[in-house]
Amino acid sequence: MIDTSLSSSNPASPADIAQLYKQMQFQETLLTNVPMSITVYDIVSRSDIRLIYTNQGETATGMTRDRIIGKRLEEYVVPEEVAQAYKRFHMCIDSGKTLQVEDSYTFVNGAYHMELTYIPLRNEQGTIAQVLLIVQNMTERKQRLEDEARRQSELIEQQAATLAELSTPLLAISETTVVMPLIGAIDTRRVQHIMDTLLTGVAEKRANTVILDITGVSVVDTQVANALIQSAQAVKLLGAEAVLTGIRPEVAQTLVQLGVSLQGVVTRGTLQDGIAYALKR
């Protein structure tokens, strides 16, 4: 801290004044070059808060330092954000503690996402007479985080699509026969992918027989059973026949208990049996 007090009994010499001025210039240079906005507000009353210092030559409002010093909040803050600005100052003043928030603001020269730190300053009587506001522009950082989140989301979607393709492969075993071995759990999203892959594959490969092998399906419930029936019906509409293989005894029992009818669907115990059936057609 710089001691600016001058005693009448010990008046400052010209050298002292020059040194003091030099130190003040140094401090101002430091503050001006800090990569953030530092402002001080005088609390005249709860409805009258005035800016009395800023380290910025030109503020985000588009106003120069000379024009903005001494102005009340409502004289340079956009009208729709005045109430929020006062609210933040009141929160700092009422709590008597430092307040830190992140928010987006719109000024005449653009929109910014900022981190704001409100620090109450007390006078000799202990009353909060001023508030120091430090503002750091977080717009670029926020944009980087959003870009990274979007890239991560796209990557996850790509990975999910790849896994879906791997989990529902359509393999051609002859010019007219394709096999789709299903493994693991089948949820709503996967049901749709199975249907899309089947119909696209049958049309592209001009297959007349499609073998759906469910040997590796962990659970067969109503949803899975209905998906299999719908797939068989959709394949039939394209002129192909669906063959369902790999129905284990416990799966057969479940289908009976669920009242699922496989009428019109060719079934075979194993994938090998299904392939043999298809190749004889």
C-alpha atoms as a PDB file:
ATOM      1  CA  MET A   1       0.000   0.000   0.000  1.00  0.00           C
ATOM      2  CA  ILE A   2       1.125   3.536  -0.724  1.00  0.00           C
ATOM      3  CA  ASP A   3       1.133   6.029   2.138  1.00  0.00           C
ATOM      4  CA  THR A   4      -0.379   9.169   0.652  1.00  0.00           C
ATOM      5  CA  SER A   5      -0.676  11.042   3.953  1.00  0.00           C
ATOM      6  CA  LEU A   6       1.117  14.368   4.180  1.00  0.00           C
ATOM      7  CA  SER A   7       1.923  15.843   7.563  1.00  0.00           C
ATOM      8  CA  SER A   8       2.031  19.605   8.013  1.00  0.00           C
ATOM      9  CA  SER A   9       4.848  19.140  10.504  1.00  0.00           C
ATOM     10  CA  ASN A  10       6.788  17.088   8.004  1.00  0.00           C
ATOM     11  CA  PRO A  11       5.805  18.336   4.536  1.00  0.00           C
ATOM     12  CA  ALA A  12       6.610  16.142   1.555  1.00  0.00           C
ATOM     13  CA  SER A  13       9.571  17.102  -0.518  1.00  0.00           C
ATOM     14  CA  PRO A  14       9.378  17.395  -4.311  1.00  0.00           C
ATOM     15  CA  ALA A  15      11.237  14.074  -4.496  1.00  0.00           C
ATOM     16  CA  ASP A  16       8.622  12.435  -2.258  1.00  0.00           C
ATOM     17  CA  ILE A  17       5.809  13.777  -4.421  1.00  0.00           C
ATOM     18  CA  ALA A  18       7.551  12.584  -7.576  1.00  0.00           C
ATOM     19  CA  GLN A  19       8.043   9.138  -6.071  1.00  0.00           C
ATOM     20  CA  LEU A  20       4.396   8.990  -5.005  1.00  0.00           C
ATOM     21  CA  TYR A  21       3.250  10.001  -8.482  1.00  0.00           C
ATOM     22  CA  LYS A  22       5.522   7.366 -10.021  1.00  0.00           C
ATOM     23  CA  GLN A  23       4.054   4.676  -7.783  1.00  0.00           C
ATOM     24  CA  MET A  24       0.518   5.760  -8.643  1.00  0.00           C
ATOM     25  CA  GLN A  25       1.337   5.583 -12.342  1.00  0.00           C
ATOM     26  CA  PHE A  26       2.799   2.101 -11.856  1.00  0.00           C
ATOM     27  CA  GLN A  27      -0.326   0.914 -10.065  1.00  0.00           C
ATOM     28  CA  GLU A  28      -2.546   2.360 -12.778  1.00  0.00           C
ATOM     29  CA  THR A  29      -0.458   0.632 -15.462  1.00  0.00           C
ATOM     30  CA  LEU A  30      -0.824  -2.683 -13.655  1.00  0.00           C
ATOM     31  CA  LEU A  31      -4.584  -2.324 -13.277  1.00  0.00           C
ATOM     32  CA  THR A  32      -5.046  -1.205 -16.875  1.00  0.00           C
ATOM     33  CA  ASN A  33      -3.228  -4.260 -18.202  1.00  0.00           C
ATOM     34  CA  VAL A  34      -4.956  -6.829 -15.995  1.00  0.00           C
ATOM     35  CA  PRO A  35      -7.025  -9.067 -18.355  1.00  0.00           C
ATOM     36  CA  MET A  36     -10.256  -8.428 -16.486  1.00  0.00           C
ATOM     37  CA  SER A  37     -12.527  -5.563 -15.604  1.00  0.00           C
ATOM     38  CA  ILE A  38     -12.032  -4.013 -12.160  1.00  0.00           C
ATOM     39  CA  THR A  39     -14.609  -1.459 -11.086  1.00  0.00           C
ATOM     40  CA  VAL A  40     -15.576   0.271  -7.852  1.00  0.00           C
ATOM     41  CA  TYR A  41     -19.123   1.405  -7.095  1.00  0.00           C
ATOM     42  CA  ASP A  42     -20.212   3.991  -4.555  1.00  0.00           C
ATOM     43  CA  ILE A  43     -23.310   2.945  -2.590  1.00  0.00           C
ATOM     44  CA  VAL A  44     -25.150   6.260  -2.306  1.00  0.00           C
ATOM     45  CA  SER A  45     -28.378   4.414  -1.449  1.00  0.00           C
ATOM     46  CA  ARG A  46     -30.039   1.108  -2.330  1.00  0.00           C
ATOM     47  CA  SER A  47     -31.522   2.719  -5.421  1.00  0.00           C
ATOM     48  CA  ASP A  48     -28.493   4.839  -6.283  1.00  0.00           C
ATOM     49  CA  ILE A  49     -25.313   2.891  -7.038  1.00  0.00           C
ATOM     50  CA  ARG A  50     -22.686   4.775  -9.037  1.00  0.00           C
ATOM     51  CA  LEU A  51     -19.518   3.676 -10.794  1.00  0.00           C
ATOM     52  CA  ILE A  52     -16.547   5.671  -9.487  1.00  0.00           C
ATOM     53  CA  TYR A  53     -13.597   3.722 -10.904  1.00  0.00           C
ATOM     54  CA  THR A  54     -12.851   1.403 -13.808  1.00  0.00           C
ATOM     55  CA  ASN A  55      -9.543   0.092 -15.089  1.00  0.00           C
ATOM     56  CA  GLN A  56     -10.946  -0.162 -18.621  1.00  0.00           C
ATOM     57  CA  GLY A  57     -10.358   2.610 -21.137  1.00  0.00           C
ATOM     58  CA  GLU A  58     -13.530   1.495 -22.903  1.00  0.00           C
ATOM     59  CA  THR A  59     -16.036  -0.704 -21.120  1.00  0.00           C
ATOM     60  CA  ALA A  60     -18.208  -3.486 -22.522  1.00  0.00           C
ATOM     61  CA  THR A  61     -21.042  -0.966 -22.654  1.00  0.00           C
ATOM     62  CA  GLY A  62     -19.195   0.849 -25.438  1.00  0.00           C
ATOM     63  CA  MET A  63     -18.695   3.914 -23.230  1.00  0.00           C
ATOM     64  CA  THR A  64     -15.263   5.367 -22.478  1.00  0.00           C
ATOM     65  CA  ARG A  65     -13.995   5.727 -18.932  1.00  0.00           C
ATOM     66  CA  ASP A  66     -14.565   9.502 -18.917  1.00  0.00           C
ATOM     67  CA  ARG A  67     -18.193   9.084 -19.979  1.00  0.00           C
ATOM     68  CA  ILE A  68     -19.126   6.296 -17.582  1.00  0.00           C
ATOM     69  CA  ILE A  69     -17.516   7.514 -14.339  1.00  0.00           C
ATOM     70  CA  GLY A  70     -20.147   8.841 -11.943  1.00  0.00           C
ATOM     71  CA  LYS A  71     -23.096   7.269 -13.737  1.00  0.00           C
ATOM     72  CA  ARG A  72     -25.784   5.202 -12.027  1.00  0.00           C
ATOM     73  CA  LEU A  73     -26.377   1.594 -13.061  1.00  0.00           C
ATOM     74  CA  GLU A  74     -29.538   2.391 -14.999  1.00  0.00           C
ATOM     75  CA  GLU A  75     -27.675   4.974 -17.075  1.00  0.00           C
ATOM     76  CA  TYR A  76     -25.562   2.379 -18.901  1.00  0.00           C
ATOM     77  CA  VAL A  77     -26.945  -1.084 -18.143  1.00  0.00           C
ATOM     78  CA  VAL A  78     -29.545  -2.248 -20.691  1.00  0.00           C
ATOM     79  CA  PRO A  79     -33.058  -1.703 -19.244  1.00  0.00           C
ATOM     80  CA  GLU A  80     -34.042  -5.387 -19.030  1.00  0.00           C
ATOM     81  CA  GLU A  81     -30.988  -6.156 -16.870  1.00  0.00           C
ATOM     82  CA  VAL A  82     -31.067  -3.186 -14.463  1.00  0.00           C
ATOM     83  CA  ALA A  83     -33.190  -4.973 -11.834  1.00  0.00           C
ATOM     84  CA  GLN A  84     -30.892  -8.001 -11.870  1.00  0.00           C
ATOM     85  CA  ALA A  85     -27.811  -5.773 -11.562  1.00  0.00           C
ATOM     86  CA  TYR A  86     -29.237  -4.029  -8.484  1.00  0.00           C
ATOM     87  CA  LYS A  87     -30.257  -7.396  -7.011  1.00  0.00           C
ATOM     88  CA  ARG A  88     -26.671  -8.652  -7.173  1.00  0.00           C
ATOM     89  CA  PHE A  89     -25.331  -5.558  -5.420  1.00  0.00           C
ATOM     90  CA  HIS A  90     -28.038  -5.821  -2.747  1.00  0.00           C
ATOM     91  CA  MET A  91     -27.154  -9.495  -2.132  1.00  0.00           C
ATOM     92  CA  CYS A  92     -23.522  -8.530  -1.572  1.00  0.00           C
ATOM     93  CA  ILE A  93     -24.386  -5.563   0.644  1.00  0.00           C
ATOM     94  CA  ASP A  94     -27.000  -7.399   2.736  1.00  0.00           C
ATOM     95  CA  SER A  95     -24.798 -10.441   3.345  1.00  0.00           C
ATOM     96  CA  GLY A  96     -21.641  -8.424   3.866  1.00  0.00           C
ATOM     97  CA  LYS A  97     -19.764 -11.189   2.065  1.00  0.00           C
ATOM     98  CA  THR A  98     -18.105 -11.706  -1.288  1.00  0.00           C
ATOM     99  CA  LEU A  99     -20.576 -12.838  -3.942  1.00  0.00           C
ATOM    100  CA  GLN A 100     -19.476 -14.761  -7.036  1.00  0.00           C
ATOM    101  CA  VAL A 101     -21.792 -15.573  -9.936  1.00  0.00           C
ATOM    102  CA  GLU A 102     -21.667 -16.487 -13.608  1.00  0.00           C
ATOM    103  CA  ASP A 103     -24.133 -14.987 -16.030  1.00  0.00           C
ATOM    104  CA  SER A 104     -24.654 -13.817 -19.598  1.00  0.00           C
ATOM    105  CA  TYR A 105     -25.090 -10.147 -20.411  1.00  0.00           C
ATOM    106  CA  THR A 106     -25.887  -8.201 -23.555  1.00  0.00           C
ATOM    107  CA  PHE A 107     -24.128  -4.901 -24.206  1.00  0.00           C
ATOM    108  CA  VAL A 108     -24.113  -2.553 -27.170  1.00  0.00           C
ATOM    109  CA  ASN A 109     -21.079  -4.324 -28.625  1.00  0.00           C
ATOM    110  CA  GLY A 110     -22.277  -7.891 -28.164  1.00  0.00           C
ATOM    111  CA  ALA A 111     -23.249 -10.657 -25.744  1.00  0.00           C
ATOM    112  CA  TYR A 112     -20.821 -11.952 -23.120  1.00  0.00           C
ATOM    113  CA  HIS A 113     -20.714 -14.762 -20.576  1.00  0.00           C
ATOM    114  CA  MET A 114     -18.946 -13.456 -17.494  1.00  0.00           C
ATOM    115  CA  GLU A 115     -17.811 -14.405 -14.023  1.00  0.00           C
ATOM    116  CA  LEU A 116     -18.604 -11.600 -11.588  1.00  0.00           C
ATOM    117  CA  THR A 117     -17.112 -11.227  -8.120  1.00  0.00           C
ATOM    118  CA  TYR A 118     -18.698  -8.620  -5.810  1.00  0.00           C
ATOM    119  CA  ILE A 119     -16.541  -7.629  -2.812  1.00  0.00           C
ATOM    120  CA  PRO A 120     -17.999  -5.317  -0.122  1.00  0.00           C
ATOM    121  CA  LEU A 121     -15.724  -2.455   1.015  1.00  0.00           C
ATOM    122  CA  ARG A 122     -16.315  -0.931   4.454  1.00  0.00           C
ATOM    123  CA  ASN A 123     -15.541   2.594   5.643  1.00  0.00           C
ATOM    124  CA  GLU A 124     -14.001   3.534   8.983  1.00  0.00           C
ATOM    125  CA  GLN A 125     -17.392   3.179  10.673  1.00  0.00           C
ATOM    126  CA  GLY A 126     -17.710  -0.405   9.419  1.00  0.00           C
ATOM    127  CA  THR A 127     -20.490   0.442   7.000  1.00  0.00           C
ATOM    128  CA  ILE A 128     -20.384  -0.944   3.479  1.00  0.00           C
ATOM    129  CA  ALA A 129     -19.873   2.205   1.452  1.00  0.00           C
ATOM    130  CA  GLN A 130     -18.521   0.758  -1.764  1.00  0.00           C
ATOM    131  CA  VAL A 131     -18.450  -2.497  -3.721  1.00  0.00           C
ATOM    132  CA  LEU A 132     -15.492  -3.739  -5.725  1.00  0.00           C
ATOM    133  CA  LEU A 133     -16.615  -5.660  -8.807  1.00  0.00           C
ATOM    134  CA  ILE A 134     -14.184  -7.902 -10.680  1.00  0.00           C
ATOM    135  CA  VAL A 135     -15.464  -9.192 -14.008  1.00  0.00           C
ATOM    136  CA  GLN A 136     -13.731 -11.877 -16.038  1.00  0.00           C
ATOM    137  CA  ASN A 137     -14.869 -12.553 -19.591  1.00  0.00           C
ATOM    138  CA  MET A 138     -15.684 -16.277 -19.799  1.00  0.00           C
ATOM    139  CA  THR A 139     -17.249 -16.175 -23.266  1.00  0.00           C
ATOM    140  CA  GLU A 140     -14.418 -17.976 -25.071  1.00  0.00           C
ATOM    141  CA  ARG A 141     -14.032 -20.519 -22.263  1.00  0.00           C
ATOM    142  CA  LYS A 142     -17.782 -21.218 -22.270  1.00  0.00           C
ATOM    143  CA  GLN A 143     -17.701 -21.616 -26.053  1.00  0.00           C
ATOM    144  CA  ARG A 144     -14.781 -24.048 -25.794  1.00  0.00           C
ATOM    145  CA  LEU A 145     -16.635 -26.101 -23.178  1.00  0.00           C
ATOM    146  CA  GLU A 146     -19.791 -26.148 -25.302  1.00  0.00           C
ATOM    147  CA  ASP A 147     -17.781 -27.168 -28.380  1.00  0.00           C
ATOM    148  CA  GLU A 148     -16.083 -29.932 -26.407  1.00  0.00           C
ATOM    149  CA  ALA A 149     -19.424 -31.127 -25.019  1.00  0.00           C
ATOM    150  CA  ARG A 150     -20.867 -31.167 -28.535  1.00  0.00           C
ATOM    151  CA  ARG A 151     -17.878 -33.134 -29.842  1.00  0.00           C
ATOM    152  CA  GLN A 152     -18.235 -35.608 -26.981  1.00  0.00           C
ATOM    153  CA  SER A 153     -21.945 -35.975 -27.712  1.00  0.00           C
ATOM    154  CA  GLU A 154     -21.250 -36.575 -31.403  1.00  0.00           C
ATOM    155  CA  LEU A 155     -18.558 -39.112 -30.513  1.00  0.00           C
ATOM    156  CA  ILE A 156     -20.923 -40.948 -28.165  1.00  0.00           C
ATOM    157  CA  GLU A 157     -23.600 -41.018 -30.871  1.00  0.00           C
ATOM    158  CA  GLN A 158     -21.089 -42.352 -33.401  1.00  0.00           C
ATOM    159  CA  GLN A 159     -19.938 -45.008 -30.957  1.00  0.00           C
ATOM    160  CA  ALA A 160     -23.549 -45.942 -30.198  1.00  0.00           C
ATOM    161  CA  ALA A 161     -24.263 -46.256 -33.920  1.00  0.00           C
ATOM    162  CA  THR A 162     -21.158 -48.410 -34.385  1.00  0.00           C
ATOM    163  CA  LEU A 163     -22.126 -50.640 -31.471  1.00  0.00           C
ATOM    164  CA  ALA A 164     -25.656 -50.911 -32.836  1.00  0.00           C
ATOM    165  CA  GLU A 165     -24.286 -52.017 -36.193  1.00  0.00           C
ATOM    166  CA  LEU A 166     -21.989 -54.535 -34.526  1.00  0.00           C
ATOM    167  CA  SER A 167     -24.840 -55.828 -32.364  1.00  0.00           C
ATOM    168  CA  THR A 168     -27.166 -56.281 -35.358  1.00  0.00           C
ATOM    169  CA  PRO A 169     -24.959 -57.546 -38.195  1.00  0.00           C
ATOM    170  CA  LEU A 170     -26.590 -58.758 -41.388  1.00  0.00           C
ATOM    171  CA  LEU A 171     -24.468 -61.484 -42.978  1.00  0.00           C
ATOM    172  CA  ALA A 172     -24.959 -62.852 -46.470  1.00  0.00           C
ATOM    173  CA  ILE A 173     -24.389 -66.632 -46.610  1.00  0.00           C
ATOM    174  CA  SER A 174     -25.573 -67.007 -50.197  1.00  0.00           C
ATOM    175  CA  GLU A 175     -26.881 -64.838 -52.998  1.00  0.00           C
ATOM    176  CA  THR A 176     -30.412 -65.144 -51.649  1.00  0.00           C
ATOM    177  CA  THR A 177     -30.009 -65.750 -47.906  1.00  0.00           C
ATOM    178  CA  VAL A 178     -28.943 -63.418 -45.093  1.00  0.00           C
ATOM    179  CA  VAL A 179     -28.490 -64.116 -41.389  1.00  0.00           C
ATOM    180  CA  MET A 180     -28.875 -61.740 -38.448  1.00  0.00           C
ATOM    181  CA  PRO A 181     -27.469 -63.266 -35.235  1.00  0.00           C
ATOM    182  CA  LEU A 182     -28.836 -61.330 -32.260  1.00  0.00           C
ATOM    183  CA  ILE A 183     -26.873 -61.211 -28.999  1.00  0.00           C
ATOM    184  CA  GLY A 184     -27.566 -59.605 -25.626  1.00  0.00           C
ATOM    185  CA  ALA A 185     -30.496 -57.489 -24.480  1.00  0.00           C
ATOM    186  CA  ILE A 186     -32.909 -55.921 -26.941  1.00  0.00           C
ATOM    187  CA  ASP A 187     -34.370 -52.530 -26.030  1.00  0.00           C
ATOM    188  CA  THR A 188     -36.659 -50.164 -27.929  1.00  0.00           C
ATOM    189  CA  ARG A 189     -33.804 -48.383 -29.695  1.00  0.00           C
ATOM    190  CA  ARG A 190     -32.235 -51.650 -30.787  1.00  0.00           C
ATOM    191  CA  VAL A 191     -35.581 -52.995 -32.021  1.00  0.00           C
ATOM    192  CA  GLN A 192     -35.820 -50.059 -34.408  1.00  0.00           C
ATOM    193  CA  HIS A 193     -32.250 -50.621 -35.595  1.00  0.00           C
ATOM    194  CA  ILE A 194     -32.956 -54.324 -36.180  1.00  0.00           C
ATOM    195  CA  MET A 195     -35.981 -53.440 -38.285  1.00  0.00           C
ATOM    196  CA  ASP A 196     -34.104 -50.800 -40.298  1.00  0.00           C
ATOM    197  CA  THR A 197     -31.118 -53.084 -40.907  1.00  0.00           C
ATOM    198  CA  LEU A 198     -33.316 -55.999 -41.951  1.00  0.00           C
ATOM    199  CA  LEU A 199     -35.460 -54.085 -44.407  1.00  0.00           C
ATOM    200  CA  THR A 200     -32.531 -52.204 -45.937  1.00  0.00           C
ATOM    201  CA  GLY A 201     -30.468 -55.386 -46.207  1.00  0.00           C
ATOM    202  CA  VAL A 202     -33.250 -57.441 -47.788  1.00  0.00           C
ATOM    203  CA  ALA A 203     -33.886 -54.730 -50.368  1.00  0.00           C
ATOM    204  CA  GLU A 204     -30.205 -54.159 -51.186  1.00  0.00           C
ATOM    205  CA  LYS A 205     -29.207 -57.837 -51.296  1.00  0.00           C
ATOM    206  CA  ARG A 206     -32.483 -58.978 -52.900  1.00  0.00           C
ATOM    207  CA  ALA A 207     -32.651 -61.814 -50.399  1.00  0.00           C
ATOM    208  CA  ASN A 208     -35.581 -64.201 -50.345  1.00  0.00           C
ATOM    209  CA  THR A 209     -34.749 -65.740 -46.956  1.00  0.00           C
ATOM    210  CA  VAL A 210     -33.835 -63.984 -43.712  1.00  0.00           C
ATOM    211  CA  ILE A 211     -32.667 -65.995 -40.715  1.00  0.00           C
ATOM    212  CA  LEU A 212     -33.119 -64.347 -37.304  1.00  0.00           C
ATOM    213  CA  ASP A 213     -31.041 -66.245 -34.767  1.00  0.00           C
ATOM    214  CA  ILE A 214     -31.889 -65.479 -31.123  1.00  0.00           C
ATOM    215  CA  THR A 215     -29.588 -68.042 -29.493  1.00  0.00           C
ATOM    216  CA  GLY A 216     -27.635 -65.229 -27.816  1.00  0.00           C
ATOM    217  CA  VAL A 217     -30.596 -63.084 -26.721  1.00  0.00           C
ATOM    218  CA  SER A 218     -30.494 -62.955 -22.924  1.00  0.00           C
ATOM    219  CA  VAL A 219     -34.162 -62.216 -22.248  1.00  0.00           C
ATOM    220  CA  VAL A 220     -37.216 -62.697 -24.446  1.00  0.00           C
ATOM    221  CA  ASP A 221     -40.185 -60.700 -23.171  1.00  0.00           C
ATOM    222  CA  THR A 222     -43.283 -59.265 -24.807  1.00  0.00           C
ATOM    223  CA  GLN A 223     -41.319 -56.430 -26.396  1.00  0.00           C
ATOM    224  CA  VAL A 224     -38.723 -58.763 -27.911  1.00  0.00           C
ATOM    225  CA  ALA A 225     -41.373 -61.239 -29.074  1.00  0.00           C
ATOM    226  CA  ASN A 226     -43.420 -58.514 -30.734  1.00  0.00           C
ATOM    227  CA  ALA A 227     -40.272 -57.140 -32.375  1.00  0.00           C
ATOM    228  CA  LEU A 228     -39.502 -60.547 -33.863  1.00  0.00           C
ATOM    229  CA  ILE A 229     -43.048 -60.950 -35.179  1.00  0.00           C
ATOM    230  CA  GLN A 230     -43.063 -57.443 -36.644  1.00  0.00           C
ATOM    231  CA  SER A 231     -39.687 -58.057 -38.282  1.00  0.00           C
ATOM    232  CA  ALA A 232     -40.937 -61.276 -39.856  1.00  0.00           C
ATOM    233  CA  GLN A 233     -44.065 -59.544 -41.136  1.00  0.00           C
ATOM    234  CA  ALA A 234     -42.066 -56.619 -42.542  1.00  0.00           C
ATOM    235  CA  VAL A 235     -39.661 -58.983 -44.305  1.00  0.00           C
ATOM    236  CA  LYS A 236     -42.625 -60.857 -45.800  1.00  0.00           C
ATOM    237  CA  LEU A 237     -43.965 -57.620 -47.271  1.00  0.00           C
ATOM    238  CA  LEU A 238     -40.707 -57.337 -49.215  1.00  0.00           C
ATOM    239  CA  GLY A 239     -41.213 -60.801 -50.666  1.00  0.00           C
ATOM    240  CA  ALA A 240     -38.803 -62.655 -48.377  1.00  0.00           C
ATOM    241  CA  GLU A 241     -39.372 -65.364 -45.794  1.00  0.00           C
ATOM    242  CA  ALA A 242     -38.252 -65.041 -42.172  1.00  0.00           C
ATOM    243  CA  VAL A 243     -36.797 -68.040 -40.375  1.00  0.00           C
ATOM    244  CA  LEU A 244     -36.493 -67.841 -36.586  1.00  0.00           C
ATOM    245  CA  THR A 245     -33.764 -69.998 -35.034  1.00  0.00           C
ATOM    246  CA  GLY A 246     -32.195 -70.567 -31.636  1.00  0.00           C
ATOM    247  CA  ILE A 247     -35.401 -70.787 -29.595  1.00  0.00           C
ATOM    248  CA  ARG A 248     -34.263 -72.372 -26.348  1.00  0.00           C
ATOM    249  CA  PRO A 249     -36.720 -74.425 -24.231  1.00  0.00           C
ATOM    250  CA  GLU A 250     -37.093 -71.681 -21.629  1.00  0.00           C
ATOM    251  CA  VAL A 251     -37.684 -69.127 -24.389  1.00  0.00           C
ATOM    252  CA  ALA A 252     -40.350 -71.343 -25.945  1.00  0.00           C
ATOM    253  CA  GLN A 253     -42.044 -71.604 -22.555  1.00  0.00           C
ATOM    254  CA  THR A 254     -41.937 -67.827 -22.142  1.00  0.00           C
ATOM    255  CA  LEU A 255     -43.483 -67.282 -25.574  1.00  0.00           C
ATOM    256  CA  VAL A 256     -46.318 -69.671 -24.709  1.00  0.00           C
ATOM    257  CA  GLN A 257     -46.917 -67.945 -21.363  1.00  0.00           C
ATOM    258  CA  LEU A 258     -47.004 -64.567 -23.107  1.00  0.00           C
ATOM    259  CA  GLY A 259     -49.486 -65.883 -25.629  1.00  0.00           C
ATOM    260  CA  VAL A 260     -47.224 -65.002 -28.538  1.00  0.00           C
ATOM    261  CA  SER A 261     -48.245 -66.664 -31.788  1.00  0.00           C
ATOM    262  CA  LEU A 262     -45.521 -67.548 -34.277  1.00  0.00           C
ATOM    263  CA  GLN A 263     -48.045 -68.644 -36.866  1.00  0.00           C
ATOM    264  CA  GLY A 264     -46.695 -68.004 -40.345  1.00  0.00           C
ATOM    265  CA  VAL A 265     -43.087 -67.859 -39.113  1.00  0.00           C
ATOM    266  CA  VAL A 266     -40.745 -70.738 -39.928  1.00  0.00           C
ATOM    267  CA  THR A 267     -38.835 -71.872 -36.817  1.00  0.00           C
ATOM    268  CA  ARG A 268     -35.815 -74.106 -36.461  1.00  0.00           C
ATOM    269  CA  GLY A 269     -33.988 -75.232 -33.341  1.00  0.00           C
ATOM    270  CA  THR A 270     -30.491 -74.112 -34.297  1.00  0.00           C
ATOM    271  CA  LEU A 271     -28.836 -71.689 -36.669  1.00  0.00           C
ATOM    272  CA  GLN A 272     -27.362 -74.626 -38.576  1.00  0.00           C
ATOM    273  CA  ASP A 273     -30.850 -76.064 -39.087  1.00  0.00           C
ATOM    274  CA  GLY A 274     -32.072 -72.704 -40.306  1.00  0.00           C
ATOM    275  CA  ILE A 275     -29.212 -72.378 -42.791  1.00  0.00           C
ATOM    276  CA  ALA A 276     -29.853 -75.904 -44.079  1.00  0.00           C
ATOM    277  CA  TYR A 277     -33.534 -75.047 -44.561  1.00  0.00           C
ATOM    278  CA  ALA A 278     -32.731 -71.833 -46.427  1.00  0.00           C
ATOM    279  CA  LEU A 279     -30.187 -73.417 -48.761  1.00  0.00           C
ATOM    280  CA  LYS A 280     -32.668 -76.130 -49.799  1.00  0.00           C
ATOM    281  CA  ARG A 281     -35.196 -73.556 -51.019  1.00  0.00           C
END
